[in-house]
Protein backbone atom coordinates (compact mmCIF):
# COMPACT_ATOMS: atom_id res chain seq x y z
CA MET A 1 -19.70 36.19 42.94
CA ARG A 2 -21.38 39.31 44.29
CA GLN A 3 -20.15 42.48 44.58
CA LEU A 4 -20.80 43.85 48.01
CA ALA A 5 -18.97 47.41 47.99
CA ASN A 6 -16.07 49.28 46.24
CA ILE A 7 -14.07 51.06 49.07
CA PRO A 8 -12.55 54.06 48.63
CA HIS A 9 -9.03 54.17 49.28
CA PRO A 10 -6.58 57.25 47.44
CA GLU A 11 -3.31 54.76 46.63
CA VAL A 12 -5.49 51.78 45.50
CA ASN A 13 -8.92 50.07 44.14
CA ILE A 14 -10.74 47.77 47.05
CA THR A 15 -13.37 46.05 46.25
CA LEU A 16 -15.50 43.81 48.42
CA PHE A 17 -17.31 40.32 47.18
CA SER A 18 -19.01 37.56 48.77
CA TRP A 19 -18.54 34.07 47.70
CA ASN A 20 -18.95 30.45 48.21
CA GLY A 21 -19.19 31.13 51.88
CA LYS A 22 -16.41 33.84 52.16
CA TYR A 23 -16.19 37.40 51.98
CA LEU A 24 -13.40 37.89 49.13
CA ILE A 25 -11.07 41.24 49.37
CA LYS A 26 -9.51 42.66 45.92
CA LEU A 27 -6.81 45.19 46.28
CA GLU A 28 -5.77 46.55 42.43
CA LYS A 29 -3.32 48.84 41.52
CA GLY A 30 -1.88 49.39 37.82
CA PRO A 31 -1.76 46.14 36.45
CA PHE A 32 -1.41 43.64 39.77
CA GLU A 33 -4.06 42.30 42.19
CA GLN A 34 -3.84 40.68 45.57
CA THR A 35 -7.15 38.90 47.02
CA TYR A 36 -7.98 37.74 50.06
CA LYS A 37 -10.27 35.47 51.19
CA VAL A 38 -11.99 35.47 54.86
CA SER A 39 -14.72 32.74 55.70
CA GLU A 40 -18.11 34.28 56.54
CA MET A 41 -17.78 32.15 59.60
CA ASP A 42 -14.69 34.63 60.88
CA VAL A 43 -16.45 37.75 61.00
CA THR A 44 -20.14 39.10 61.84
CA SER A 45 -20.91 41.37 58.66
CA ASP A 46 -18.96 43.47 55.82
CA GLU A 47 -18.47 45.89 58.02
CA ASP A 48 -15.85 43.19 60.00
CA ILE A 49 -14.07 43.62 57.06
CA ARG A 50 -13.94 46.99 56.54
CA MET A 51 -12.57 47.24 59.80
CA LEU A 52 -9.63 44.82 58.86
CA LEU A 53 -9.04 47.26 55.80
CA ASP A 54 -7.30 49.57 58.63
CA GLU A 55 -4.28 51.76 57.28
CA GLU A 56 -1.50 49.65 58.84
CA PHE A 57 -3.42 46.78 56.52
CA VAL A 58 -3.35 48.52 52.99
CA GLN A 59 0.03 50.55 53.46
CA ALA A 60 1.51 46.71 53.60
CA ALA A 61 -0.74 45.61 50.62
CA VAL A 62 0.41 49.00 48.87
CA ALA A 63 4.58 47.93 50.00
CA ARG A 64 3.92 44.25 48.59
CA PHE A 65 2.34 46.40 44.99
CA ARG A 66 6.06 48.04 45.12
CA HIS A 67 7.41 44.62 45.62
CA MET A 68 5.71 42.68 42.80
CA HIS A 69 6.36 45.78 40.45
CA ALA A 70 10.07 45.21 41.05
CA ASP A 71 9.91 41.07 40.63
CA LEU A 72 8.38 41.62 37.66
CA GLN A 73 10.22 44.24 36.31
CA ALA A 74 13.48 41.75 37.76
CA ALA A 75 12.39 38.56 35.84
CA PHE A 76 11.98 41.37 32.44
CA ASP A 77 15.66 41.95 32.79
CA ARG A 78 17.10 38.62 34.00
CA ASN A 79 15.44 37.34 30.51
CA GLY A 80 16.35 40.49 27.89
CA LEU A 81 12.80 41.23 27.38
């Protein structure tokens, strides 16, 4: 796996990788991460990947992080942990 870029964003860490004919977009916030795989056949360059990472996409991912946190907390609460 080859790291291509760290893409700055104030709310999440975004790292772009190339691996096995795919671009991997890894978003991290605290203890949570989301990874999206995009075939190299679907885009022409890593610049296309950067275009995908528009504010609407990133804000949806940030909202998903909030849901992930809530889901984990609910599991802790249900199980008395």
